[in-house]
C-alpha atoms as a PDB file:
ATOM      1  CA  UNK A   1      69.540  48.184  68.570  1.00  0.00           C
ATOM      2  CA  UNK A   2      65.946  48.783  69.081  1.00  0.00           C
ATOM      3  CA  UNK A   3      64.366  52.223  68.882  1.00  0.00           C
ATOM      4  CA  UNK A   4      63.851  52.337  72.649  1.00  0.00           C
ATOM      5  CA  UNK A   5      67.520  51.721  73.306  1.00  0.00           C
ATOM      6  CA  UNK A   6      68.557  54.524  70.938  1.00  0.00           C
ATOM      7  CA  UNK A   7      66.257  56.982  72.717  1.00  0.00           C
ATOM      8  CA  UNK A   8      67.680  55.989  76.069  1.00  0.00           C
ATOM      9  CA  UNK A   9      71.199  56.633  74.799  1.00  0.00           C
ATOM     10  CA  UNK A  10      70.215  60.072  73.534  1.00  0.00           C
ATOM     11  CA  UNK A  11      68.501  61.034  76.798  1.00  0.00           C
ATOM     12  CA  UNK A  12      70.860  63.310  78.684  1.00  0.00           C
ATOM     13  CA  UNK A  13      68.522  63.674  81.622  1.00  0.00           C
ATOM     14  CA  UNK A  14      67.922  67.336  80.887  1.00  0.00           C
ATOM     15  CA  UNK A  15      64.324  67.605  79.893  1.00  0.00           C
ATOM     16  CA  UNK A  16      64.236  71.391  80.225  1.00  0.00           C
ATOM     17  CA  UNK A  17      62.396  71.230  83.539  1.00  0.00           C
ATOM     18  CA  UNK A  18      64.198  73.440  85.999  1.00  0.00           C
ATOM     19  CA  UNK A  19      61.484  72.949  88.631  1.00  0.00           C
ATOM     20  CA  UNK A  20      60.535  76.618  88.829  1.00  0.00           C
ATOM     21  CA  UNK A  21      57.245  76.462  86.994  1.00  0.00           C
ATOM     22  CA  UNK A  22      54.239  75.664  89.136  1.00  0.00           C
ATOM     23  CA  UNK A  23      52.070  73.038  87.523  1.00  0.00           C
ATOM     24  CA  UNK A  24      54.811  71.954  85.144  1.00  0.00           C
ATOM     25  CA  UNK A  25      56.666  69.507  87.296  1.00  0.00           C
ATOM     26  CA  UNK A  26      57.761  72.127  89.819  1.00  0.00           C
ATOM     27  CA  UNK A  27      58.847  70.952  93.223  1.00  0.00           C
ATOM     28  CA  UNK A  28      56.145  70.860  95.907  1.00  0.00           C
ATOM     29  CA  UNK A  29      58.502  72.752  98.217  1.00  0.00           C
ATOM     30  CA  UNK A  30      58.647  75.579  95.662  1.00  0.00           C
ATOM     31  CA  UNK A  31      54.866  75.761  95.642  1.00  0.00           C
ATOM     32  CA  UNK A  32      54.614  75.852  99.433  1.00  0.00           C
ATOM     33  CA  UNK A  33      57.404  78.450  99.608  1.00  0.00           C
ATOM     34  CA  UNK A  34      55.496  80.662  97.179  1.00  0.00           C
ATOM     35  CA  UNK A  35      52.351  80.221  99.253  1.00  0.00           C
ATOM     36  CA  UNK A  36      54.293  81.395 102.303  1.00  0.00           C
ATOM     37  CA  UNK A  37      55.631  84.386 100.354  1.00  0.00           C
ATOM     38  CA  UNK A  38      52.106  85.223  99.192  1.00  0.00           C
ATOM     39  CA  UNK A  39      50.861  84.894 102.771  1.00  0.00           C
ATOM     40  CA  UNK A  40      53.612  87.214 103.996  1.00  0.00           C
ATOM     41  CA  UNK A  41      52.701  89.743 101.337  1.00  0.00           C
ATOM     42  CA  UNK A  42      49.036  89.515 102.331  1.00  0.00           C
ATOM     43  CA  UNK A  43      49.985  90.130 105.964  1.00  0.00           C
ATOM     44  CA  UNK A  44      52.056  93.158 104.953  1.00  0.00           C
ATOM     45  CA  UNK A  45      49.114  94.567 103.018  1.00  0.00           C
ATOM     46  CA  UNK A  46      46.729  93.957 105.914  1.00  0.00           C
ATOM     47  CA  UNK A  47      49.084  95.747 108.311  1.00  0.00           C
ATOM     48  CA  UNK A  48      49.329  98.690 105.905  1.00  0.00           C
ATOM     49  CA  UNK A  49      45.540  98.858 105.669  1.00  0.00           C
ATOM     50  CA  UNK A  50      45.243  98.764 109.456  1.00  0.00           C
ATOM     51  CA  UNK A  51      47.695 101.688 109.699  1.00  0.00           C
ATOM     52  CA  UNK A  52      45.738 103.882 107.264  1.00  0.00           C
ATOM     53  CA  UNK A  53      43.330 105.439 109.810  1.00  0.00           C
ATOM     54  CA  UNK A  54      46.217 106.653 111.974  1.00  0.00           C
ATOM     55  CA  UNK A  55      48.063 108.011 108.942  1.00  0.00           C
ATOM     56  CA  UNK A  56      44.955 109.786 107.675  1.00  0.00           C
ATOM     57  CA  UNK A  57      44.273 111.231 111.121  1.00  0.00           C
ATOM     58  CA  UNK A  58      47.781 112.697 111.163  1.00  0.00           C
ATOM     59  CA  UNK A  59      47.312 114.246 107.719  1.00  0.00           C
ATOM     60  CA  UNK A  60      43.937 115.735 108.681  1.00  0.00           C
ATOM     61  CA  UNK A  61      45.331 117.178 111.938  1.00  0.00           C
ATOM     62  CA  UNK A  62      48.213 118.767 110.065  1.00  0.00           C
ATOM     63  CA  UNK A  63      45.927 120.314 107.462  1.00  0.00           C
ATOM     64  CA  UNK A  64      43.449 121.549 110.088  1.00  0.00           C
ATOM     65  CA  UNK A  65      46.264 123.084 112.131  1.00  0.00           C
ATOM     66  CA  UNK A  66      47.164 125.236 109.121  1.00  0.00           C
ATOM     67  CA  UNK A  67      43.626 126.557 108.646  1.00  0.00           C
ATOM     68  CA  UNK A  68      43.783 129.411 111.203  1.00  0.00           C
ATOM     69  CA  UNK A  69      46.779 130.944 109.456  1.00  0.00           C
ATOM     70  CA  UNK A  70      45.173 130.587 106.041  1.00  0.00           C
ATOM     71  CA  UNK A  71      41.896 132.053 107.270  1.00  0.00           C
ATOM     72  CA  UNK A  72      43.691 134.928 108.993  1.00  0.00           C
ATOM     73  CA  UNK A  73      45.494 135.766 105.764  1.00  0.00           C
ATOM     74  CA  UNK A  74      42.237 135.683 103.813  1.00  0.00           C
ATOM     75  CA  UNK A  75      40.507 137.882 106.390  1.00  0.00           C
ATOM     76  CA  UNK A  76      43.319 140.428 106.191  1.00  0.00           C
ATOM     77  CA  UNK A  77      43.109 140.452 102.418  1.00  0.00           C
ATOM     78  CA  UNK A  78      39.344 140.909 102.516  1.00  0.00           C
ATOM     79  CA  UNK A  79      39.616 143.674 105.124  1.00  0.00           C
ATOM     80  CA  UNK A  80      42.194 145.551 103.108  1.00  0.00           C
ATOM     81  CA  UNK A  81      39.975 145.591 100.010  1.00  0.00           C
ATOM     82  CA  UNK A  82      36.520 145.772 101.592  1.00  0.00           C
ATOM     83  CA  UNK A  83      34.750 149.117 101.549  1.00  0.00           C
ATOM     84  CA  UNK A  84      37.109 150.655  99.033  1.00  0.00           C
ATOM     85  CA  UNK A  85      34.925 150.186  96.000  1.00  0.00           C
ATOM     86  CA  UNK A  86      31.359 150.446  97.252  1.00  0.00           C
ATOM     87  CA  UNK A  87      31.470 152.059 100.703  1.00  0.00           C
ATOM     88  CA  UNK A  88      30.587 148.861 102.519  1.00  0.00           C
ATOM     89  CA  UNK A  89      31.057 148.615 106.241  1.00  0.00           C
ATOM     90  CA  UNK A  90      34.391 147.183 107.306  1.00  0.00           C
ATOM     91  CA  UNK A  91      34.348 143.464 107.891  1.00  0.00           C
ATOM     92  CA  UNK A  92      35.201 143.927 111.564  1.00  0.00           C
ATOM     93  CA  UNK A  93      31.676 145.287 112.158  1.00  0.00           C
ATOM     94  CA  UNK A  94      30.158 142.079 110.821  1.00  0.00           C
ATOM     95  CA  UNK A  95      32.313 139.727 112.893  1.00  0.00           C
ATOM     96  CA  UNK A  96      29.966 140.002 115.868  1.00  0.00           C
ATOM     97  CA  UNK A  97      26.520 139.865 114.265  1.00  0.00           C
ATOM     98  CA  UNK A  98      24.685 140.892 117.438  1.00  0.00           C
ATOM     99  CA  UNK A  99      26.677 144.078 117.996  1.00  0.00           C
ATOM    100  CA  UNK A 100      26.481 144.885 114.278  1.00  0.00           C
ATOM    101  CA  UNK A 101      22.678 144.567 114.325  1.00  0.00           C
ATOM    102  CA  UNK A 102      22.487 146.615 117.530  1.00  0.00           C
ATOM    103  CA  UNK A 103      24.575 149.366 115.940  1.00  0.00           C
ATOM    104  CA  UNK A 104      22.380 149.408 112.843  1.00  0.00           C
ATOM    105  CA  UNK A 105      19.189 149.480 114.933  1.00  0.00           C
ATOM    106  CA  UNK A 106      20.546 152.265 117.138  1.00  0.00           C
ATOM    107  CA  UNK A 107      21.525 154.264 114.063  1.00  0.00           C
ATOM    108  CA  UNK A 108      18.074 153.801 112.507  1.00  0.00           C
ATOM    109  CA  UNK A 109      16.227 154.661 115.744  1.00  0.00           C
ATOM    110  CA  UNK A 110      18.228 157.825 116.280  1.00  0.00           C
ATOM    111  CA  UNK A 111      17.559 159.071 112.738  1.00  0.00           C
ATOM    112  CA  UNK A 112      13.791 158.508 113.060  1.00  0.00           C
END
C-alpha cells in the first residue's frame, strides 16, 4: 500500500471541525445567524437608548416632587434653632423680604 492509501484508511472523517468557529470552516448559515443575533442585540440597545429620556424624566419628576417636603422639614429645623443662640430675628420675618425691610425701616424711623 502506498502512503496515501494508508492515510485514507486512517481518516475517520472527524477532523475536529464542529462548524461553530467563524473563520475556521464554520458554516455560512452560522455566520449569518450570528449577524442576525448581533443585529437584534443592536436594535435592543438602540431601543433602550431611545427610552432613556422618558425614564430620566420620570426620575427627575419623582425627585422634584419630594423637594417641598424636604425643604419644609429643613425650614422647620432652621426655625426651631434660629434666634436661640444669637438673638436673630425669626426666619419667618425674612421670608417676605419687602415686608421685612419695611419693618426694619419703620423701626429705625420711629427711633430717630
